[in-house]
Protein backbone atom coordinates (compact mmCIF):
# COMPACT_ATOMS: atom_id res chain seq x y z
CA MET A 1 0.00 0.00 0.00
CA LYS A 2 1.35 3.44 -0.91
CA ALA A 3 2.01 5.95 1.88
CA PHE A 4 -0.81 8.40 2.53
CA ARG A 5 -2.00 10.88 5.16
CA LEU A 6 -5.16 9.89 7.00
CA ALA A 7 -7.04 12.26 9.33
CA ILE A 8 -9.61 10.92 11.81
CA VAL A 9 -12.03 13.51 13.24
CA ARG A 10 -13.59 12.98 16.69
CA GLN A 11 -14.77 15.94 18.75
CA LYS A 12 -13.92 14.57 22.18
CA TYR A 13 -11.55 11.63 22.48
CA ARG A 14 -11.88 9.73 25.74
CA PRO A 15 -10.51 6.19 26.05
CA ASP A 16 -13.70 4.59 27.46
CA GLY A 17 -16.05 5.73 24.63
CA GLY A 18 -17.36 3.23 22.07
CA ALA A 19 -16.42 5.35 19.03
CA GLU A 20 -13.00 6.02 20.54
CA ARG A 21 -12.36 2.32 21.00
CA PHE A 22 -13.14 1.85 17.32
CA VAL A 23 -10.70 4.69 16.50
CA SER A 24 -7.93 3.37 18.77
CA ARG A 25 -8.27 -0.21 17.50
CA ALA A 26 -8.27 1.08 13.93
CA LEU A 27 -5.23 3.29 14.56
CA GLU A 28 -3.32 0.46 16.23
CA ALA A 29 -4.14 -1.88 13.35
CA LEU A 30 -3.29 0.75 10.74
CA GLU A 31 0.00 1.54 12.44
CA GLN A 32 1.54 -1.40 10.59
CA GLN A 33 0.70 0.29 7.29
CA ASP A 34 2.77 2.95 5.58
CA LEU A 35 0.61 5.91 6.49
CA ASP A 36 0.68 9.15 8.43
CA LEU A 37 -1.96 9.02 11.19
CA ASN A 38 -3.64 12.23 12.34
CA VAL A 39 -6.44 12.88 14.83
CA ILE A 40 -8.41 16.16 14.77
CA THR A 41 -10.12 16.65 18.13
CA ARG A 42 -11.34 19.25 20.60
CA GLU A 43 -10.02 17.30 23.57
CA TRP A 44 -7.60 14.34 23.64
CA GLN A 45 -7.71 12.14 26.74
CA GLY A 46 -6.00 9.10 25.22
CA ASP A 47 -2.38 8.03 25.50
CA THR A 48 0.06 9.99 23.40
CA HIS A 49 1.70 7.96 20.69
CA PRO A 50 4.97 8.75 18.88
CA ASN A 51 3.50 8.02 15.43
CA TRP A 52 0.14 9.76 15.82
CA HIS A 53 -0.24 13.50 15.20
CA ILE A 54 -2.86 15.09 17.44
CA HIS A 55 -4.38 18.34 16.11
CA LEU A 56 -6.32 20.18 18.85
CA CYS A 57 -9.22 22.27 17.58
CA ASN A 58 -11.11 24.00 20.39
CA PRO A 59 -12.80 27.25 19.32
CA LEU A 60 -14.83 29.40 21.73
CA LYS A 61 -18.29 27.97 22.41
CA LEU A 62 -21.43 29.63 23.80
CA GLY A 63 -23.74 26.61 23.94
CA ARG A 64 -24.35 23.19 22.39
CA ILE A 65 -25.07 24.42 18.85
CA SER A 66 -22.17 26.88 18.96
CA ARG A 67 -19.88 24.04 20.18
CA GLU A 68 -20.94 21.71 17.33
CA ARG A 69 -20.84 24.36 14.61
CA GLY A 70 -17.56 25.88 15.87
CA PHE A 71 -15.77 22.53 15.94
CA ALA A 72 -17.14 21.56 12.51
CA GLU A 73 -15.90 24.81 10.93
CA ALA A 74 -12.49 24.68 12.67
CA ALA A 75 -11.93 20.99 11.83
CA ARG A 76 -12.89 21.51 8.18
CA ALA A 77 -10.60 24.57 7.88
CA LEU A 78 -7.74 22.52 9.39
CA TRP A 79 -8.14 19.53 7.08
CA GLN A 80 -8.48 21.76 4.01
CA LYS A 81 -5.27 23.58 4.98
CA GLU A 82 -3.38 20.32 5.67
CA LYS A 83 -4.62 18.67 2.45
CA PHE A 84 -4.85 15.15 3.92
CA ASP A 85 -5.31 12.32 1.43
CA LEU A 86 -8.38 11.04 3.28
CA VAL A 87 -10.50 12.57 6.06
CA GLN A 88 -12.60 10.13 8.07
CA SER A 89 -15.03 11.96 10.32
CA HIS A 90 -16.84 10.45 13.29
CA GLU A 91 -18.84 13.69 13.56
CA ARG A 92 -21.58 14.96 11.22
CA ILE A 93 -19.42 17.46 9.29
CA PRO A 94 -20.16 18.14 5.59
CA GLY A 95 -17.05 17.92 3.39
CA CYS A 96 -15.37 14.80 4.80
CA ASP A 97 -14.33 11.94 2.48
CA ILE A 98 -15.56 9.16 4.78
CA TYR A 99 -18.19 9.37 7.49
CA ARG A 100 -18.39 6.70 10.18
CA ALA A 101 -22.02 6.60 11.33
CA GLY A 102 -21.17 5.34 14.82
CA ASP A 103 -24.04 7.33 16.35
CA GLY A 104 -26.60 6.07 13.85
CA VAL A 105 -29.28 8.36 12.40
CA HIS A 106 -30.32 11.17 14.75
CA ARG A 107 -34.00 11.20 13.68
CA ARG A 108 -34.27 7.45 14.36
CA TRP A 109 -32.96 7.96 17.89
CA LEU A 110 -35.49 10.77 18.48
CA LEU A 111 -38.34 8.55 17.24
CA GLN A 112 -37.37 5.91 19.81
CA ARG A 113 -36.91 8.45 22.60
CA ALA A 114 -40.34 9.92 21.80
CA ARG A 115 -41.89 6.58 22.82
CA LEU A 116 -41.04 7.42 26.44
CA LEU A 117 -42.59 10.91 26.34
CA PRO A 118 -46.16 12.24 26.69
CA GLU A 119 -47.74 13.52 23.45
CA TRP A 120 -47.09 17.22 24.13
CA ARG A 121 -43.37 16.65 24.77
CA ARG A 122 -42.87 14.66 21.56
CA LYS A 123 -43.58 17.77 19.46
CA TRP A 124 -41.03 19.78 21.47
CA LEU A 125 -38.43 17.07 20.95
CA PHE A 126 -38.48 17.46 17.15
CA SER A 127 -38.67 21.26 17.23
CA ASN A 128 -35.75 21.56 19.68
CA ARG A 129 -33.11 23.85 18.12
CA TYR A 130 -30.19 21.53 18.90
CA HIS A 131 -31.88 18.44 17.43
CA ARG A 132 -32.88 20.44 14.35
CA TYR A 133 -29.25 21.58 13.93
CA VAL A 134 -27.93 17.98 14.17
CA MET A 135 -30.49 16.65 11.66
CA CYS A 136 -29.67 19.53 9.30
CA ALA A 137 -25.88 18.91 9.54
CA GLU A 138 -26.46 15.19 8.98
CA ARG A 139 -28.53 15.80 5.83
CA ALA A 140 -25.96 18.31 4.49
CA MET A 141 -23.12 15.84 5.11
CA TYR A 142 -24.82 12.97 3.24
CA ALA A 143 -25.62 15.34 0.34
CA ALA A 144 -22.08 16.81 0.14
CA PRO A 145 -20.28 15.99 -3.13
CA GLU A 146 -17.00 15.28 -1.24
CA LEU A 147 -18.50 12.24 0.56
CA LYS A 148 -16.98 9.13 -1.02
CA ALA A 149 -17.91 6.44 1.52
CA VAL A 150 -19.88 5.73 4.69
CA ILE A 151 -18.80 3.19 7.33
CA CYS A 152 -21.57 1.64 9.46
CA ASN A 153 -21.17 -0.80 12.31
CA ALA A 154 -24.49 -2.55 11.60
CA GLU A 155 -26.73 -3.46 8.68
CA MET A 156 -29.56 -1.76 10.61
CA ILE A 157 -27.83 1.62 10.28
CA LYS A 158 -26.96 1.03 6.61
CA GLN A 159 -30.65 0.50 5.82
CA GLU A 160 -31.70 3.59 7.81
CA ILE A 161 -29.20 5.76 5.88
CA ILE A 162 -30.44 4.39 2.55
CA ASP A 163 -34.08 4.98 3.54
CA ASP A 164 -33.65 8.43 5.12
CA PHE A 165 -30.99 10.03 2.89
CA GLY A 166 -31.07 8.09 -0.38
CA VAL A 167 -27.35 7.22 -0.15
CA PRO A 168 -26.57 4.45 -2.69
CA ALA A 169 -25.97 1.06 -1.05
CA ASP A 170 -22.59 0.63 -2.77
CA LYS A 171 -21.32 3.76 -1.02
CA ILE A 172 -21.92 2.19 2.42
CA THR A 173 -19.60 -0.42 3.98
CA VAL A 174 -20.58 -2.34 7.11
CA ILE A 175 -17.53 -2.90 9.32
CA TYR A 176 -18.42 -4.45 12.67
CA ASN A 177 -16.56 -3.38 15.80
CA ALA A 178 -13.62 -5.54 16.89
CA ILE A 179 -13.01 -7.35 20.16
CA ASP A 180 -9.85 -8.74 21.74
CA ASN A 181 -11.11 -12.27 22.45
CA GLN A 182 -7.92 -13.11 24.36
CA LYS A 183 -8.47 -10.28 26.83
CA PHE A 184 -12.21 -10.81 27.30
CA LEU A 185 -12.30 -14.44 28.42
CA PRO A 186 -14.90 -16.52 30.27
CA ALA A 187 -14.12 -16.96 33.97
CA THR A 188 -12.73 -20.22 35.27
CA PRO A 189 -14.95 -21.85 37.95
CA ASP A 190 -12.47 -20.66 40.62
CA GLN A 191 -12.43 -17.06 39.30
CA ARG A 192 -16.22 -16.96 39.22
CA GLN A 193 -16.44 -18.24 42.78
CA GLN A 194 -13.90 -15.73 44.05
CA LEU A 195 -15.51 -12.79 42.18
CA ARG A 196 -18.92 -13.70 43.58
CA ARG A 197 -17.51 -13.64 47.08
CA GLN A 198 -15.82 -10.30 46.37
CA TYR A 199 -19.02 -8.65 45.05
CA GLN A 200 -21.29 -10.44 47.54
CA ILE A 201 -23.36 -12.28 44.93
CA PRO A 202 -24.65 -15.66 46.18
CA GLN A 203 -22.83 -18.51 44.42
CA GLN A 204 -26.05 -20.11 43.09
CA ALA A 205 -27.79 -16.84 42.16
CA HIS A 206 -28.61 -15.95 38.57
CA CYS A 207 -26.81 -12.67 37.86
CA LEU A 208 -27.29 -10.29 34.94
CA ILE A 209 -25.08 -7.35 34.01
CA PHE A 210 -26.10 -4.02 32.45
CA VAL A 211 -23.21 -1.94 31.07
CA GLY A 212 -23.57 1.62 29.80
CA SER A 213 -23.83 5.25 30.81
CA GLY A 214 -26.92 7.26 29.90
CA PHE A 215 -29.46 4.98 31.57
CA GLU A 216 -32.55 6.25 29.71
CA ARG A 217 -31.10 5.49 26.27
CA LYS A 218 -29.64 2.15 27.36
CA GLY A 219 -33.02 0.98 28.72
CA LEU A 220 -32.33 0.62 32.44
CA THR A 221 -35.97 1.28 33.44
CA ALA A 222 -37.19 -1.71 31.40
CA ALA A 223 -34.25 -3.81 32.68
CA ILE A 224 -35.13 -3.09 36.34
CA ARG A 225 -38.85 -3.74 35.75
CA ALA A 226 -38.01 -7.07 34.11
CA VAL A 227 -35.58 -8.12 36.87
CA ALA A 228 -38.24 -7.28 39.49
CA SER A 229 -40.40 -10.12 38.11
CA THR A 230 -37.60 -12.70 38.47
CA ASP A 231 -35.18 -13.80 41.20
CA SER A 232 -32.15 -12.57 39.20
CA TYR A 233 -29.55 -10.07 40.41
CA LEU A 234 -28.58 -7.10 38.21
CA LEU A 235 -25.20 -5.35 38.32
CA VAL A 236 -25.41 -1.86 36.77
CA VAL A 237 -22.00 -0.71 35.51
CA GLY A 238 -22.02 2.91 34.32
CA LYS A 239 -23.18 6.34 35.42
CA ASP A 240 -26.10 8.72 35.05
CA LYS A 241 -27.07 12.00 36.71
CA ALA A 242 -30.45 10.47 37.58
CA GLU A 243 -29.02 7.33 39.25
CA LYS A 244 -31.03 7.96 42.44
CA ARG A 245 -34.27 7.78 40.44
CA TYR A 246 -33.34 4.29 39.21
CA GLN A 247 -32.36 3.19 42.72
CA THR A 248 -35.76 4.41 43.96
CA LEU A 249 -37.51 2.49 41.15
CA ALA A 250 -35.72 -0.74 42.16
CA GLN A 251 -36.68 -0.19 45.83
CA SER A 252 -40.32 0.51 44.93
CA LEU A 253 -40.50 -2.72 42.90
CA GLY A 254 -39.05 -4.75 45.78
CA CYS A 255 -35.76 -5.66 44.07
CA GLY A 256 -33.52 -2.95 45.58
CA ASP A 257 -31.33 -5.58 47.28
CA ARG A 258 -30.82 -7.43 43.96
CA VAL A 259 -30.05 -4.38 41.77
CA ARG A 260 -26.52 -3.15 42.53
CA PHE A 261 -25.18 0.14 41.16
CA MET A 262 -21.44 -0.29 40.63
CA GLY A 263 -20.61 3.08 38.99
CA VAL A 264 -18.13 3.50 36.14
CA GLN A 265 -15.43 0.82 36.14
CA LYS A 266 -12.03 1.06 34.42
CA GLN A 267 -11.92 -2.73 34.21
CA THR A 268 -15.24 -4.26 33.18
CA LEU A 269 -13.87 -7.80 32.70
CA PRO A 270 -14.43 -8.99 36.33
CA PHE A 271 -18.08 -7.87 36.12
CA TYR A 272 -18.70 -9.92 32.97
CA GLN A 273 -16.95 -12.86 34.62
CA VAL A 274 -19.19 -12.67 37.69
CA ALA A 275 -22.38 -12.59 35.58
CA ASP A 276 -24.52 -15.10 33.65
CA ALA A 277 -25.84 -12.82 30.88
CA LEU A 278 -25.87 -9.25 29.57
CA LEU A 279 -29.21 -7.43 29.74
CA LEU A 280 -29.25 -4.35 27.46
CA PRO A 281 -32.74 -3.39 26.22
CA THR A 282 -31.37 -0.21 24.64
CA LEU A 283 -33.81 2.20 22.99
CA TYR A 284 -31.46 2.91 20.07
CA ASP A 285 -27.85 1.85 19.67
CA PRO A 286 -25.94 1.26 16.42
CA PHE A 287 -23.68 -1.42 17.96
CA PRO A 288 -22.53 -1.13 21.58
CA ASN A 289 -19.09 -2.67 22.18
CA VAL A 290 -20.38 -4.17 25.43
CA ILE A 291 -22.31 -6.79 23.44
CA LEU A 292 -19.06 -8.09 21.91
CA GLU A 293 -17.28 -7.92 25.28
CA ALA A 294 -20.03 -9.90 27.02
CA MET A 295 -20.23 -12.52 24.26
CA SER A 296 -16.43 -12.85 24.27
CA CYS A 297 -16.72 -13.65 28.01
CA GLY A 298 -19.19 -16.43 27.19
CA LEU A 299 -22.34 -14.55 28.17
CA PRO A 300 -25.66 -14.85 26.33
CA VAL A 301 -27.14 -11.43 25.51
CA ILE A 302 -30.64 -9.99 25.76
CA THR A 303 -30.96 -6.85 23.64
CA SER A 304 -33.49 -4.93 21.56
CA THR A 305 -34.68 -4.83 17.94
CA THR A 306 -33.36 -1.22 17.74
CA CYS A 307 -29.80 -2.27 18.57
CA GLY A 308 -27.38 -3.16 15.76
CA GLY A 309 -25.81 -5.70 18.09
CA ALA A 310 -28.95 -7.82 17.63
CA GLU A 311 -27.37 -8.87 14.31
CA PHE A 312 -25.02 -11.09 16.33
CA ILE A 313 -27.85 -12.76 18.25
CA ALA A 314 -29.50 -15.98 17.06
CA GLN A 315 -32.78 -16.15 18.99
CA GLY A 316 -32.61 -18.81 21.69
CA GLU A 317 -29.12 -19.95 20.64
CA ASN A 318 -26.83 -17.26 22.08
CA GLY A 319 -29.39 -14.81 23.45
CA PHE A 320 -32.71 -13.10 22.81
CA VAL A 321 -33.97 -10.00 20.99
CA THR A 322 -37.13 -8.16 22.10
CA ASP A 323 -38.69 -4.71 21.74
CA ALA A 324 -36.85 -2.34 24.10
CA LEU A 325 -40.02 -1.53 26.09
CA ASP A 326 -41.65 -4.98 26.11
CA VAL A 327 -41.13 -5.91 29.77
CA PRO A 328 -43.08 -9.24 29.63
CA ALA A 329 -40.89 -10.36 26.67
CA LEU A 330 -37.75 -9.35 28.62
CA VAL A 331 -38.98 -11.36 31.64
CA ALA A 332 -39.60 -14.40 29.41
CA ALA A 333 -36.10 -14.03 27.91
CA ILE A 334 -34.46 -13.82 31.36
CA LYS A 335 -36.31 -16.95 32.46
CA ALA A 336 -35.20 -18.81 29.30
CA LEU A 337 -31.50 -18.14 29.97
CA PRO A 338 -29.27 -20.85 31.47
CA ARG A 339 -28.99 -20.40 35.24
CA GLN A 340 -25.22 -20.42 34.83
CA ALA A 341 -23.53 -19.16 31.66
CA LEU A 342 -20.25 -20.91 32.40
CA GLY A 343 -20.13 -24.16 30.42
CA SER A 344 -23.64 -23.71 28.96
CA PRO A 345 -24.30 -24.28 25.21
CA MET A 346 -25.75 -20.75 25.00
CA GLY A 347 -22.66 -19.20 26.57
CA GLU A 348 -20.34 -21.19 24.31
CA ALA A 349 -22.39 -20.22 21.22
CA ALA A 350 -22.10 -16.55 22.25
CA ARG A 351 -18.30 -16.71 22.40
CA LEU A 352 -18.05 -18.67 19.14
CA ARG A 353 -20.10 -16.00 17.31
CA ILE A 354 -17.62 -13.17 18.02
CA MET A 355 -14.39 -15.04 17.21
CA SER A 356 -14.22 -13.57 13.68
CA ALA A 357 -14.66 -9.96 14.93
CA THR A 358 -10.92 -9.38 15.40
CA PRO A 359 -8.91 -6.13 15.18
CA ALA A 360 -6.98 -7.72 12.28
CA HIS A 361 -10.20 -8.29 10.33
CA LEU A 362 -11.33 -4.72 11.06
CA SER A 363 -8.03 -3.31 9.78
CA GLU A 364 -8.17 -5.48 6.62
CA GLN A 365 -11.61 -4.07 5.83
CA LEU A 366 -10.46 -0.48 6.48
CA ILE A 367 -7.29 -0.84 4.39
CA SER A 368 -9.33 -2.37 1.56
CA LEU A 369 -11.76 0.59 1.70
CA TYR A 370 -8.95 3.18 1.81
CA ASN A 371 -7.16 1.52 -1.13
CA ARG A 372 -10.35 1.55 -3.16
CA LEU A 373 -10.93 5.25 -2.44
CA LEU A 374 -7.30 6.26 -3.13
CA ASP A 375 -7.26 4.36 -6.42
């Protein structure tokens, strides 16, 4: 492959974010190639790397719209000045060569969120100035003549982009997220026993894990309501400003002692290893990395029809897919899970399904796309 200069645009780079993990895995994989790696960002919280060039772009901001617009204009001015060979944006900025639709389609997310709101608030949601700005920027970006390719992390998102923006199918490449299946491993029986003692989970208890910050979007209300109708435990890993409201809900449903709020964790592996399944009835999610992490640890997954990760689930074989708000269906799915994931056919099928989703495969697909565009 000939040497070329690649710029990746991400407004705020923090190591624990899903999009950032895609970027870092891609950068690490691409490091073996003969290319000049650049990141354009407002704020870099990752490790510095001798071969990566970080371009900080942080113009004055007076609010959410000003922040988005200011960064978009500054990033575009920078990449036009630098004349990179390819610009891959993870933000909705018209004029990029490649857009990675890691956040999905904004209107689709709003339609799902509206399901939680009373009628009068739904109208306000779609007339909100910020949401209107994002939808406008998204439409302009897909219509821009510079756009050569779109990367999606799920077929679900590809179809939404085709339907909503009329982007030709051959312009869209689905590249699933990658997982290090040698880091995320199922627990040994001894590890599981020790972790259960450490986190005070009864050895014979059925334990689910919920991983994600932004509890409304990730579906924690439905998860708690479903768990309340079973004898399962639920470990909630993540954060939300309204955490107390969710704790109160669990108490009011009589499952407060079985729903444990663990906060944000730097190392999520022990929490997967203590659990028997992942429960993530997310309202709208292109493809959360936590699904791959859980499956790599041998956990069956319960997720929603509006989650791209559902594409990795074979109903009843390695998990279950339900509507995000269908609590009776979630309860039925929980009850159909093996009591213990470790050594179960469902747990083994989950791990087997993700074995091809390697960083090497991700980098092959990216390099193939870049070569095609450069040629």
